[in-house]
Amino acid sequence: MEIGSRLREAREAKKLTLEEVQNTTKIQKRYLQAIENNEFGILPGKFYTRAFIREYASAVGLDPEQVMEEHKNELPSNEEEQVITYSRVQQSKSEKNPSSGGGFAKSFPTILTVFLVVGLLFAVWFFILQLSNSNNSANDEEMSQDQVNVTDPSGEDDESQDEENSSSGGEGDSSDSSEEEANEENSSEEVAEEIETEDDQDQELEFSLEETGAGQFPEHVYNVSGAEERELTIAFNSETYLELNAPKDGESLADARNYSQDDEEINMDISDYAEVYVRTGSAPGMTVMVNGEEIEFPTDNLTQKLLIQFE
């Protein structure tokens, strides 16, 4: 019996579907079907062929090493994986972040909100100022009329009295306007600072490594909280195999294949996903970031998995 038929028979004996094995091993269904049909050329490489078969055997209750030994003549030879040693230079915040255009697009609603608040405060201040001027003018007219009524008919004191009232009223208006303007400016600055502070707090991310995996293909679980808008960035430092999907939504987020440093980095909005699954064939070959913050691979294994869950 060929190895593919043996694995399929073990799966059917346990009454498992390919979808259930896929959820357990995180190996795409088309690769599982290729293994059952002994079509190893469909798989991404010789190394991954042997690794996928081990995981498949373990998922259906077989001893992976015994299966590999008994069917070693059917399997491709185990080739050496070239590991490129490199030193990772700490990048600045601006280099980690996506393009500046994307950052401005995100901050534009906040800027617009600040301008609207300032404009509203200015309109209120202007209305209060006009109302105050109207009241002062009415008071001046009443005072002038009273002066006319109480002075003698000759009117010799009217002109000087009006000038005094006008002078005192102008000084009062100027003083009141200056104080109101200063108070309104201070209030506008405080509102803008509060909005900026709240916005910064809303966008601050918190990372928590909840589980560190073990074995040949360790799976690590991260919890990420503190941001409603999230952007995932994957940069390639050297040749590596990548699978990227959203398990709960059943969506593949990128082509499962080998990538190199010549490929453009992956940038995508993942705000609508509850979790994202990253599987790599060479952890040193890529850098994974959420909102510009790097998520580290915790172990020194070449092949690793990251399950990033968002709260």
C-alpha atoms as a PDB file:
ATOM      1  CA  MET A   1       0.000   0.000   0.000  1.00  0.00           C
ATOM      2  CA  GLU A   2       1.360   3.434  -0.967  1.00  0.00           C
ATOM      3  CA  ILE A   3       1.833   6.032   1.726  1.00  0.00           C
ATOM      4  CA  GLY A   4      -1.014   8.202   0.408  1.00  0.00           C
ATOM      5  CA  SER A   5      -3.474   5.296   0.449  1.00  0.00           C
ATOM      6  CA  ARG A   6      -2.321   4.340   3.933  1.00  0.00           C
ATOM      7  CA  LEU A   7      -2.923   7.865   5.258  1.00  0.00           C
ATOM      8  CA  ARG A   8      -6.348   8.078   3.585  1.00  0.00           C
ATOM      9  CA  GLU A   9      -7.318   4.676   5.024  1.00  0.00           C
ATOM     10  CA  ALA A  10      -6.259   5.817   8.532  1.00  0.00           C
ATOM     11  CA  ARG A  11      -8.280   9.036   8.118  1.00  0.00           C
ATOM     12  CA  GLU A  12     -11.394   7.193   6.994  1.00  0.00           C
ATOM     13  CA  ALA A  13     -10.994   4.721   9.849  1.00  0.00           C
ATOM     14  CA  LYS A  14     -11.170   7.641  12.264  1.00  0.00           C
ATOM     15  CA  LYS A  15     -14.150   9.053  10.279  1.00  0.00           C
ATOM     16  CA  LEU A  16     -12.363  12.336   9.647  1.00  0.00           C
ATOM     17  CA  THR A  17     -12.980  14.589   6.663  1.00  0.00           C
ATOM     18  CA  LEU A  18     -10.241  16.454   4.811  1.00  0.00           C
ATOM     19  CA  GLU A  19     -11.655  19.700   6.221  1.00  0.00           C
ATOM     20  CA  GLU A  20     -11.221  18.393   9.778  1.00  0.00           C
ATOM     21  CA  VAL A  21      -7.635  17.320   9.076  1.00  0.00           C
ATOM     22  CA  GLN A  22      -7.024  20.742   7.525  1.00  0.00           C
ATOM     23  CA  ASN A  23      -8.273  22.493  10.688  1.00  0.00           C
ATOM     24  CA  THR A  24      -6.029  20.271  12.844  1.00  0.00           C
ATOM     25  CA  THR A  25      -2.810  20.522  10.802  1.00  0.00           C
ATOM     26  CA  LYS A  26      -3.377  23.958   9.208  1.00  0.00           C
ATOM     27  CA  ILE A  27      -2.338  22.329   5.883  1.00  0.00           C
ATOM     28  CA  GLN A  28      -4.444  23.387   2.905  1.00  0.00           C
ATOM     29  CA  LYS A  29      -6.940  20.815   1.639  1.00  0.00           C
ATOM     30  CA  ARG A  30      -5.423  20.674  -1.857  1.00  0.00           C
ATOM     31  CA  TYR A  31      -2.071  19.631  -0.353  1.00  0.00           C
ATOM     32  CA  LEU A  32      -3.771  16.927   1.726  1.00  0.00           C
ATOM     33  CA  GLN A  33      -5.444  15.579  -1.415  1.00  0.00           C
ATOM     34  CA  ALA A  34      -2.089  15.606  -3.231  1.00  0.00           C
ATOM     35  CA  ILE A  35      -0.521  13.570  -0.400  1.00  0.00           C
ATOM     36  CA  GLU A  36      -3.335  10.992  -0.535  1.00  0.00           C
ATOM     37  CA  ASN A  37      -2.844  10.703  -4.321  1.00  0.00           C
ATOM     38  CA  ASN A  38       0.986  10.502  -4.004  1.00  0.00           C
ATOM     39  CA  GLU A  39       1.203  13.643  -6.190  1.00  0.00           C
ATOM     40  CA  PHE A  40       4.139  15.164  -4.315  1.00  0.00           C
ATOM     41  CA  GLY A  41       5.029  17.493  -7.178  1.00  0.00           C
ATOM     42  CA  ILE A  42       2.075  19.722  -6.215  1.00  0.00           C
ATOM     43  CA  LEU A  43       3.578  20.401  -2.779  1.00  0.00           C
ATOM     44  CA  PRO A  44       5.824  23.486  -2.352  1.00  0.00           C
ATOM     45  CA  GLY A  45       9.086  21.519  -1.935  1.00  0.00           C
ATOM     46  CA  LYS A  46      10.772  18.324  -0.787  1.00  0.00           C
ATOM     47  CA  PHE A  47      11.274  19.558   2.752  1.00  0.00           C
ATOM     48  CA  TYR A  48       7.618  20.549   3.094  1.00  0.00           C
ATOM     49  CA  THR A  49       6.500  17.235   1.592  1.00  0.00           C
ATOM     50  CA  ARG A  50       8.157  15.292   4.405  1.00  0.00           C
ATOM     51  CA  ALA A  51       6.985  17.777   7.060  1.00  0.00           C
ATOM     52  CA  PHE A  52       3.354  17.735   5.812  1.00  0.00           C
ATOM     53  CA  ILE A  53       3.292  13.914   5.755  1.00  0.00           C
ATOM     54  CA  ARG A  54       4.531  13.802   9.355  1.00  0.00           C
ATOM     55  CA  GLU A  55       1.755  16.148  10.478  1.00  0.00           C
ATOM     56  CA  TYR A  56      -0.883  14.268   8.471  1.00  0.00           C
ATOM     57  CA  ALA A  57       0.223  10.939  10.030  1.00  0.00           C
ATOM     58  CA  SER A  58       0.120  12.426  13.524  1.00  0.00           C
ATOM     59  CA  ALA A  59      -3.385  13.867  12.922  1.00  0.00           C
ATOM     60  CA  VAL A  60      -4.829  10.462  11.927  1.00  0.00           C
ATOM     61  CA  GLY A  61      -3.221   8.564  14.821  1.00  0.00           C
ATOM     62  CA  LEU A  62      -0.156   7.044  13.098  1.00  0.00           C
ATOM     63  CA  ASP A  63       3.459   7.148  14.265  1.00  0.00           C
ATOM     64  CA  PRO A  64       5.044   9.728  11.924  1.00  0.00           C
ATOM     65  CA  GLU A  65       8.573   8.344  12.169  1.00  0.00           C
ATOM     66  CA  GLN A  66       7.427   4.763  11.582  1.00  0.00           C
ATOM     67  CA  VAL A  67       5.426   5.853   8.524  1.00  0.00           C
ATOM     68  CA  MET A  68       8.384   7.812   7.141  1.00  0.00           C
ATOM     69  CA  GLU A  69      10.733   4.839   7.671  1.00  0.00           C
ATOM     70  CA  GLU A  70       8.403   2.265   6.095  1.00  0.00           C
ATOM     71  CA  HIS A  71       7.742   4.429   3.017  1.00  0.00           C
ATOM     72  CA  LYS A  72      11.107   6.135   2.669  1.00  0.00           C
ATOM     73  CA  ASN A  73      11.543   4.759  -0.857  1.00  0.00           C
ATOM     74  CA  GLU A  74       8.393   6.601  -2.016  1.00  0.00           C
ATOM     75  CA  LEU A  75       9.397   9.962  -0.557  1.00  0.00           C
ATOM     76  CA  PRO A  76      11.670  12.570  -2.130  1.00  0.00           C
ATOM     77  CA  SER A  77      15.154  12.778  -0.618  1.00  0.00           C
ATOM     78  CA  ASN A  78      15.578  15.162   2.284  1.00  0.00           C
ATOM     79  CA  GLU A  79      17.460  18.118   0.863  1.00  0.00           C
ATOM     80  CA  GLU A  80      19.489  20.524   2.941  1.00  0.00           C
ATOM     81  CA  GLU A  81      17.730  23.755   3.745  1.00  0.00           C
ATOM     82  CA  GLN A  82      19.977  26.739   3.268  1.00  0.00           C
ATOM     83  CA  VAL A  83      19.681  29.098   6.203  1.00  0.00           C
ATOM     84  CA  ILE A  84      20.906  32.590   5.496  1.00  0.00           C
ATOM     85  CA  THR A  85      22.499  34.089   8.586  1.00  0.00           C
ATOM     86  CA  TYR A  86      21.927  37.733   8.936  1.00  0.00           C
ATOM     87  CA  SER A  87      21.945  40.445  11.589  1.00  0.00           C
ATOM     88  CA  ARG A  88      18.693  42.255  12.044  1.00  0.00           C
ATOM     89  CA  VAL A  89      19.233  46.009  12.269  1.00  0.00           C
ATOM     90  CA  GLN A  90      16.730  47.861  14.464  1.00  0.00           C
ATOM     91  CA  GLN A  91      14.624  49.889  12.054  1.00  0.00           C
ATOM     92  CA  SER A  92      13.234  53.285  12.843  1.00  0.00           C
ATOM     93  CA  LYS A  93       9.523  53.825  13.355  1.00  0.00           C
ATOM     94  CA  SER A  94       9.164  55.539  10.001  1.00  0.00           C
ATOM     95  CA  GLU A  95      10.810  52.574   8.173  1.00  0.00           C
ATOM     96  CA  LYS A  96       8.556  50.037   9.887  1.00  0.00           C
ATOM     97  CA  ASN A  97       5.362  51.945   9.177  1.00  0.00           C
ATOM     98  CA  PRO A  98       3.643  51.692   5.790  1.00  0.00           C
ATOM     99  CA  SER A  99       3.809  54.552   3.302  1.00  0.00           C
ATOM    100  CA  SER A 100       3.268  58.058   4.579  1.00  0.00           C
ATOM    101  CA  GLY A 101       0.172  58.398   2.424  1.00  0.00           C
ATOM    102  CA  GLY A 102      -1.566  55.627   4.354  1.00  0.00           C
ATOM    103  CA  GLY A 103      -0.697  57.276   7.693  1.00  0.00           C
ATOM    104  CA  PHE A 104      -2.132  60.606   6.582  1.00  0.00           C
ATOM    105  CA  ALA A 105      -5.307  58.906   5.370  1.00  0.00           C
ATOM    106  CA  LYS A 106      -5.779  57.390   8.824  1.00  0.00           C
ATOM    107  CA  SER A 107      -5.142  60.633  10.692  1.00  0.00           C
ATOM    108  CA  PHE A 108      -7.288  62.766   8.346  1.00  0.00           C
ATOM    109  CA  PRO A 109     -10.609  62.091  10.193  1.00  0.00           C
ATOM    110  CA  THR A 110      -8.991  63.204  13.467  1.00  0.00           C
ATOM    111  CA  ILE A 111      -7.590  66.381  11.899  1.00  0.00           C
ATOM    112  CA  LEU A 112     -10.976  67.146  10.329  1.00  0.00           C
ATOM    113  CA  THR A 113     -12.708  66.654  13.693  1.00  0.00           C
ATOM    114  CA  VAL A 114     -10.304  69.075  15.406  1.00  0.00           C
ATOM    115  CA  PHE A 115     -10.933  71.743  12.752  1.00  0.00           C
ATOM    116  CA  LEU A 116     -14.699  71.311  13.056  1.00  0.00           C
ATOM    117  CA  VAL A 117     -14.556  71.683  16.849  1.00  0.00           C
ATOM    118  CA  VAL A 118     -12.361  74.779  16.609  1.00  0.00           C
ATOM    119  CA  GLY A 119     -14.665  76.259  13.958  1.00  0.00           C
ATOM    120  CA  LEU A 120     -17.729  75.615  16.136  1.00  0.00           C
ATOM    121  CA  LEU A 121     -16.095  77.262  19.142  1.00  0.00           C
ATOM    122  CA  PHE A 122     -15.124  80.270  17.022  1.00  0.00           C
ATOM    123  CA  ALA A 123     -18.726  80.619  15.773  1.00  0.00           C
ATOM    124  CA  VAL A 124     -20.053  80.495  19.367  1.00  0.00           C
ATOM    125  CA  TRP A 125     -17.489  83.055  20.488  1.00  0.00           C
ATOM    126  CA  PHE A 126     -18.374  85.370  17.571  1.00  0.00           C
ATOM    127  CA  PHE A 127     -22.096  85.079  18.349  1.00  0.00           C
ATOM    128  CA  ILE A 128     -21.500  85.904  22.043  1.00  0.00           C
ATOM    129  CA  LEU A 129     -19.323  88.869  21.047  1.00  0.00           C
ATOM    130  CA  GLN A 130     -22.004  90.259  18.707  1.00  0.00           C
ATOM    131  CA  LEU A 131     -24.664  89.790  21.376  1.00  0.00           C
ATOM    132  CA  SER A 132     -22.489  91.594  23.929  1.00  0.00           C
ATOM    133  CA  ASN A 133     -21.885  94.507  21.535  1.00  0.00           C
ATOM    134  CA  SER A 134     -25.617  94.777  20.836  1.00  0.00           C
ATOM    135  CA  ASN A 135     -26.410  94.913  24.572  1.00  0.00           C
ATOM    136  CA  ASN A 136     -23.722  97.535  25.155  1.00  0.00           C
ATOM    137  CA  SER A 137     -25.069  99.673  22.304  1.00  0.00           C
ATOM    138  CA  ALA A 138     -28.591  99.454  23.705  1.00  0.00           C
ATOM    139  CA  ASN A 139     -27.326 100.440  27.170  1.00  0.00           C
ATOM    140  CA  ASP A 140     -25.440 103.379  25.689  1.00  0.00           C
ATOM    141  CA  GLU A 141     -28.571 104.621  23.908  1.00  0.00           C
ATOM    142  CA  GLU A 142     -30.664 104.328  27.078  1.00  0.00           C
ATOM    143  CA  MET A 143     -28.004 106.156  29.080  1.00  0.00           C
ATOM    144  CA  SER A 144     -27.816 108.930  26.488  1.00  0.00           C
ATOM    145  CA  GLN A 145     -31.586 109.305  26.559  1.00  0.00           C
ATOM    146  CA  ASP A 146     -31.554 109.520  30.358  1.00  0.00           C
ATOM    147  CA  GLN A 147     -28.871 112.205  30.190  1.00  0.00           C
ATOM    148  CA  VAL A 148     -31.022 114.220  27.815  1.00  0.00           C
ATOM    149  CA  ASN A 149     -33.968 113.947  30.172  1.00  0.00           C
ATOM    150  CA  VAL A 150     -32.143 115.064  33.335  1.00  0.00           C
ATOM    151  CA  THR A 151     -29.949 117.902  31.954  1.00  0.00           C
ATOM    152  CA  ASP A 152     -31.151 121.427  31.394  1.00  0.00           C
ATOM    153  CA  PRO A 153     -32.809 122.338  28.096  1.00  0.00           C
ATOM    154  CA  SER A 154     -29.803 124.266  26.876  1.00  0.00           C
ATOM    155  CA  GLY A 155     -28.003 120.946  26.223  1.00  0.00           C
ATOM    156  CA  GLU A 156     -24.553 122.311  27.106  1.00  0.00           C
ATOM    157  CA  ASP A 157     -23.579 119.133  29.023  1.00  0.00           C
ATOM    158  CA  ASP A 158     -24.966 116.597  26.495  1.00  0.00           C
ATOM    159  CA  GLU A 159     -21.987 116.464  24.171  1.00  0.00           C
ATOM    160  CA  SER A 160     -19.371 116.020  26.903  1.00  0.00           C
ATOM    161  CA  GLN A 161     -21.501 113.390  28.690  1.00  0.00           C
ATOM    162  CA  ASP A 162     -21.954 111.382  25.482  1.00  0.00           C
ATOM    163  CA  GLU A 163     -18.230 111.493  24.838  1.00  0.00           C
ATOM    164  CA  GLU A 164     -17.482 110.169  28.346  1.00  0.00           C
ATOM    165  CA  ASN A 165     -20.053 107.380  27.999  1.00  0.00           C
ATOM    166  CA  SER A 166     -18.707 106.439  24.573  1.00  0.00           C
ATOM    167  CA  SER A 167     -15.130 106.371  25.839  1.00  0.00           C
ATOM    168  CA  SER A 168     -15.904 104.249  28.906  1.00  0.00           C
ATOM    169  CA  GLY A 169     -18.121 101.897  26.877  1.00  0.00           C
ATOM    170  CA  GLY A 170     -15.396 101.378  24.242  1.00  0.00           C
ATOM    171  CA  GLU A 171     -12.790 100.553  26.861  1.00  0.00           C
ATOM    172  CA  GLY A 172     -15.162  98.047  28.523  1.00  0.00           C
ATOM    173  CA  ASP A 173     -15.969  96.374  25.196  1.00  0.00           C
ATOM    174  CA  SER A 174     -12.302  96.044  24.309  1.00  0.00           C
ATOM    175  CA  SER A 175     -11.401  94.546  27.689  1.00  0.00           C
ATOM    176  CA  ASP A 176     -14.337  92.103  27.639  1.00  0.00           C
ATOM    177  CA  SER A 177     -13.577  91.023  24.067  1.00  0.00           C
ATOM    178  CA  SER A 178      -9.917  90.361  24.863  1.00  0.00           C
ATOM    179  CA  GLU A 179     -10.777  88.260  27.899  1.00  0.00           C
ATOM    180  CA  GLU A 180     -13.434  86.273  26.017  1.00  0.00           C
ATOM    181  CA  GLU A 181     -11.087  85.690  23.072  1.00  0.00           C
ATOM    182  CA  ALA A 182      -8.308  84.439  25.365  1.00  0.00           C
ATOM    183  CA  ASN A 183     -10.726  82.111  27.182  1.00  0.00           C
ATOM    184  CA  GLU A 184     -12.085  80.694  23.915  1.00  0.00           C
ATOM    185  CA  GLU A 185      -8.570  80.081  22.527  1.00  0.00           C
ATOM    186  CA  ASN A 186      -7.550  78.249  25.709  1.00  0.00           C
ATOM    187  CA  SER A 187     -10.711  76.144  25.544  1.00  0.00           C
ATOM    188  CA  SER A 188     -10.047  75.241  21.881  1.00  0.00           C
ATOM    189  CA  GLU A 189      -6.487  74.166  22.656  1.00  0.00           C
ATOM    190  CA  GLU A 190      -7.655  71.994  25.578  1.00  0.00           C
ATOM    191  CA  VAL A 191     -10.305  70.269  23.414  1.00  0.00           C
ATOM    192  CA  ALA A 192      -7.751  69.588  20.651  1.00  0.00           C
ATOM    193  CA  GLU A 193      -5.252  68.141  23.144  1.00  0.00           C
ATOM    194  CA  GLU A 194      -7.922  65.876  24.679  1.00  0.00           C
ATOM    195  CA  ILE A 195      -8.955  64.584  21.233  1.00  0.00           C
ATOM    196  CA  GLU A 196      -5.338  63.861  20.259  1.00  0.00           C
ATOM    197  CA  THR A 197      -4.689  62.102  23.583  1.00  0.00           C
ATOM    198  CA  GLU A 198      -7.796  59.921  23.275  1.00  0.00           C
ATOM    199  CA  ASP A 199      -6.901  59.062  19.676  1.00  0.00           C
ATOM    200  CA  ASP A 200      -3.357  58.018  20.661  1.00  0.00           C
ATOM    201  CA  GLN A 201      -4.694  55.864  23.497  1.00  0.00           C
ATOM    202  CA  ASP A 202      -7.222  54.155  21.202  1.00  0.00           C
ATOM    203  CA  GLN A 203      -4.506  53.247  18.673  1.00  0.00           C
ATOM    204  CA  GLU A 204      -1.944  51.929  21.199  1.00  0.00           C
ATOM    205  CA  LEU A 205      -1.403  48.192  20.753  1.00  0.00           C
ATOM    206  CA  GLU A 206      -0.741  45.644  23.485  1.00  0.00           C
ATOM    207  CA  PHE A 207       0.892  42.315  22.583  1.00  0.00           C
ATOM    208  CA  SER A 208       0.744  39.235  24.817  1.00  0.00           C
ATOM    209  CA  LEU A 209       2.423  35.893  24.050  1.00  0.00           C
ATOM    210  CA  GLU A 210      -0.201  33.490  25.439  1.00  0.00           C
ATOM    211  CA  GLU A 211       1.363  30.201  24.299  1.00  0.00           C
ATOM    212  CA  THR A 212       4.788  29.124  23.002  1.00  0.00           C
ATOM    213  CA  GLY A 213       4.634  26.076  20.741  1.00  0.00           C
ATOM    214  CA  ALA A 214       6.979  23.084  20.687  1.00  0.00           C
ATOM    215  CA  GLY A 215       8.099  20.383  18.288  1.00  0.00           C
ATOM    216  CA  GLN A 216       9.304  20.582  14.721  1.00  0.00           C
ATOM    217  CA  PHE A 217       6.490  22.953  13.670  1.00  0.00           C
ATOM    218  CA  PRO A 218       5.838  24.982  16.861  1.00  0.00           C
ATOM    219  CA  GLU A 219       2.660  27.057  16.890  1.00  0.00           C
ATOM    220  CA  HIS A 220       2.751  30.223  19.011  1.00  0.00           C
ATOM    221  CA  VAL A 221      -0.362  32.141  20.088  1.00  0.00           C
ATOM    222  CA  TYR A 222      -0.337  35.941  20.459  1.00  0.00           C
ATOM    223  CA  ASN A 223      -3.174  38.088  21.851  1.00  0.00           C
ATOM    224  CA  VAL A 224      -3.330  41.639  20.487  1.00  0.00           C
ATOM    225  CA  SER A 225      -5.576  44.359  21.926  1.00  0.00           C
ATOM    226  CA  GLY A 226      -5.925  48.132  21.959  1.00  0.00           C
ATOM    227  CA  ALA A 227      -6.708  49.073  18.334  1.00  0.00           C
ATOM    228  CA  GLU A 228      -9.895  48.880  16.300  1.00  0.00           C
ATOM    229  CA  GLU A 229      -8.054  49.583  13.031  1.00  0.00           C
ATOM    230  CA  ARG A 230      -5.292  47.086  12.304  1.00  0.00           C
ATOM    231  CA  GLU A 231      -2.891  46.759   9.381  1.00  0.00           C
ATOM    232  CA  LEU A 232      -0.729  43.664   8.811  1.00  0.00           C
ATOM    233  CA  THR A 233       2.684  44.005   7.152  1.00  0.00           C
ATOM    234  CA  ILE A 234       4.950  41.105   6.133  1.00  0.00           C
ATOM    235  CA  ALA A 235       8.399  42.009   4.775  1.00  0.00           C
ATOM    236  CA  PHE A 236      10.695  39.422   3.169  1.00  0.00           C
ATOM    237  CA  ASN A 237      14.371  39.361   4.150  1.00  0.00           C
ATOM    238  CA  SER A 238      15.320  36.189   2.235  1.00  0.00           C
ATOM    239  CA  GLU A 239      13.693  33.195   0.549  1.00  0.00           C
ATOM    240  CA  THR A 240      10.903  31.640   2.623  1.00  0.00           C
ATOM    241  CA  TYR A 241       7.614  29.764   2.246  1.00  0.00           C
ATOM    242  CA  LEU A 242       4.478  31.576   3.479  1.00  0.00           C
ATOM    243  CA  GLU A 243       0.876  30.618   4.150  1.00  0.00           C
ATOM    244  CA  LEU A 244      -1.413  33.435   5.348  1.00  0.00           C
ATOM    245  CA  ASN A 245      -5.102  32.973   6.137  1.00  0.00           C
ATOM    246  CA  ALA A 246      -7.964  33.839   8.495  1.00  0.00           C
ATOM    247  CA  PRO A 247      -9.063  30.468  10.000  1.00  0.00           C
ATOM    248  CA  LYS A 248     -12.368  31.591  11.542  1.00  0.00           C
ATOM    249  CA  ASP A 249     -13.435  33.296   8.324  1.00  0.00           C
ATOM    250  CA  GLY A 250     -12.108  30.475   6.114  1.00  0.00           C
ATOM    251  CA  GLU A 251     -10.240  32.960   3.905  1.00  0.00           C
ATOM    252  CA  SER A 252      -6.774  32.749   2.342  1.00  0.00           C
ATOM    253  CA  LEU A 253      -5.158  36.192   2.609  1.00  0.00           C
ATOM    254  CA  ALA A 254      -2.140  35.563   0.333  1.00  0.00           C
ATOM    255  CA  ASP A 255      -0.866  32.993  -2.158  1.00  0.00           C
ATOM    256  CA  ALA A 256       0.722  29.994  -0.385  1.00  0.00           C
ATOM    257  CA  ARG A 257       4.136  29.829  -2.063  1.00  0.00           C
ATOM    258  CA  ASN A 258       7.828  30.597  -1.764  1.00  0.00           C
ATOM    259  CA  TYR A 259       8.698  34.312  -1.458  1.00  0.00           C
ATOM    260  CA  SER A 260      12.067  36.072  -1.715  1.00  0.00           C
ATOM    261  CA  GLN A 261      13.529  39.450  -0.838  1.00  0.00           C
ATOM    262  CA  ASP A 262      12.665  40.590  -4.385  1.00  0.00           C
ATOM    263  CA  ASP A 263       8.926  40.294  -3.635  1.00  0.00           C
ATOM    264  CA  GLU A 264       7.097  43.371  -2.426  1.00  0.00           C
ATOM    265  CA  GLU A 265       6.055  43.372   1.208  1.00  0.00           C
ATOM    266  CA  ILE A 266       2.457  42.430   1.983  1.00  0.00           C
ATOM    267  CA  ASN A 267       0.262  45.216   3.416  1.00  0.00           C
ATOM    268  CA  MET A 268      -3.405  44.616   4.206  1.00  0.00           C
ATOM    269  CA  ASP A 269      -6.207  45.868   6.443  1.00  0.00           C
ATOM    270  CA  ILE A 270      -7.158  43.078   8.892  1.00  0.00           C
ATOM    271  CA  SER A 271      -9.547  45.098  11.079  1.00  0.00           C
ATOM    272  CA  ASP A 272     -12.475  42.776  10.220  1.00  0.00           C
ATOM    273  CA  TYR A 273     -10.713  39.527  11.181  1.00  0.00           C
ATOM    274  CA  ALA A 274     -10.824  37.951  14.655  1.00  0.00           C
ATOM    275  CA  GLU A 275      -7.550  36.093  14.091  1.00  0.00           C
ATOM    276  CA  VAL A 276      -4.805  35.682  11.480  1.00  0.00           C
ATOM    277  CA  TYR A 277      -2.668  32.562  10.951  1.00  0.00           C
ATOM    278  CA  VAL A 278       0.921  32.864   9.641  1.00  0.00           C
ATOM    279  CA  ARG A 279       2.912  29.764   8.651  1.00  0.00           C
ATOM    280  CA  THR A 280       6.519  30.150   7.494  1.00  0.00           C
ATOM    281  CA  GLY A 281       9.134  27.766   6.187  1.00  0.00           C
ATOM    282  CA  SER A 282      11.989  30.036   7.276  1.00  0.00           C
ATOM    283  CA  ALA A 283      11.285  32.357  10.195  1.00  0.00           C
ATOM    284  CA  PRO A 284      14.470  34.457   9.661  1.00  0.00           C
ATOM    285  CA  GLY A 285      13.286  35.123   6.117  1.00  0.00           C
ATOM    286  CA  MET A 286      10.386  37.390   7.081  1.00  0.00           C
ATOM    287  CA  THR A 287       9.301  40.122   9.494  1.00  0.00           C
ATOM    288  CA  VAL A 288       5.663  40.212  10.723  1.00  0.00           C
ATOM    289  CA  MET A 289       4.207  43.538  11.951  1.00  0.00           C
ATOM    290  CA  VAL A 290       0.792  44.811  13.107  1.00  0.00           C
ATOM    291  CA  ASN A 291       0.356  48.604  12.892  1.00  0.00           C
ATOM    292  CA  GLY A 292       4.142  48.880  12.522  1.00  0.00           C
ATOM    293  CA  GLU A 293       4.887  46.858  15.697  1.00  0.00           C
ATOM    294  CA  GLU A 294       6.926  43.682  15.080  1.00  0.00           C
ATOM    295  CA  ILE A 295       5.642  40.320  16.324  1.00  0.00           C
ATOM    296  CA  GLU A 296       8.660  38.144  17.140  1.00  0.00           C
ATOM    297  CA  PHE A 297       9.061  34.421  16.435  1.00  0.00           C
ATOM    298  CA  PRO A 298       9.752  33.115  19.984  1.00  0.00           C
ATOM    299  CA  THR A 299      11.974  30.092  19.129  1.00  0.00           C
ATOM    300  CA  ASP A 300      14.975  29.360  16.910  1.00  0.00           C
ATOM    301  CA  ASN A 301      13.105  26.847  14.729  1.00  0.00           C
ATOM    302  CA  LEU A 302      13.365  27.312  11.004  1.00  0.00           C
ATOM    303  CA  THR A 303       9.684  26.467  10.441  1.00  0.00           C
ATOM    304  CA  GLN A 304       7.194  28.148  12.773  1.00  0.00           C
ATOM    305  CA  LYS A 305       3.535  29.195  13.000  1.00  0.00           C
ATOM    306  CA  LEU A 306       1.926  32.290  14.492  1.00  0.00           C
ATOM    307  CA  LEU A 307      -1.754  32.453  15.499  1.00  0.00           C
ATOM    308  CA  ILE A 308      -2.522  36.147  16.128  1.00  0.00           C
ATOM    309  CA  GLN A 309      -5.825  36.675  17.967  1.00  0.00           C
ATOM    310  CA  PHE A 310      -7.402  40.130  18.302  1.00  0.00           C
ATOM    311  CA  GLU A 311      -9.462  41.178  21.322  1.00  0.00           C
END
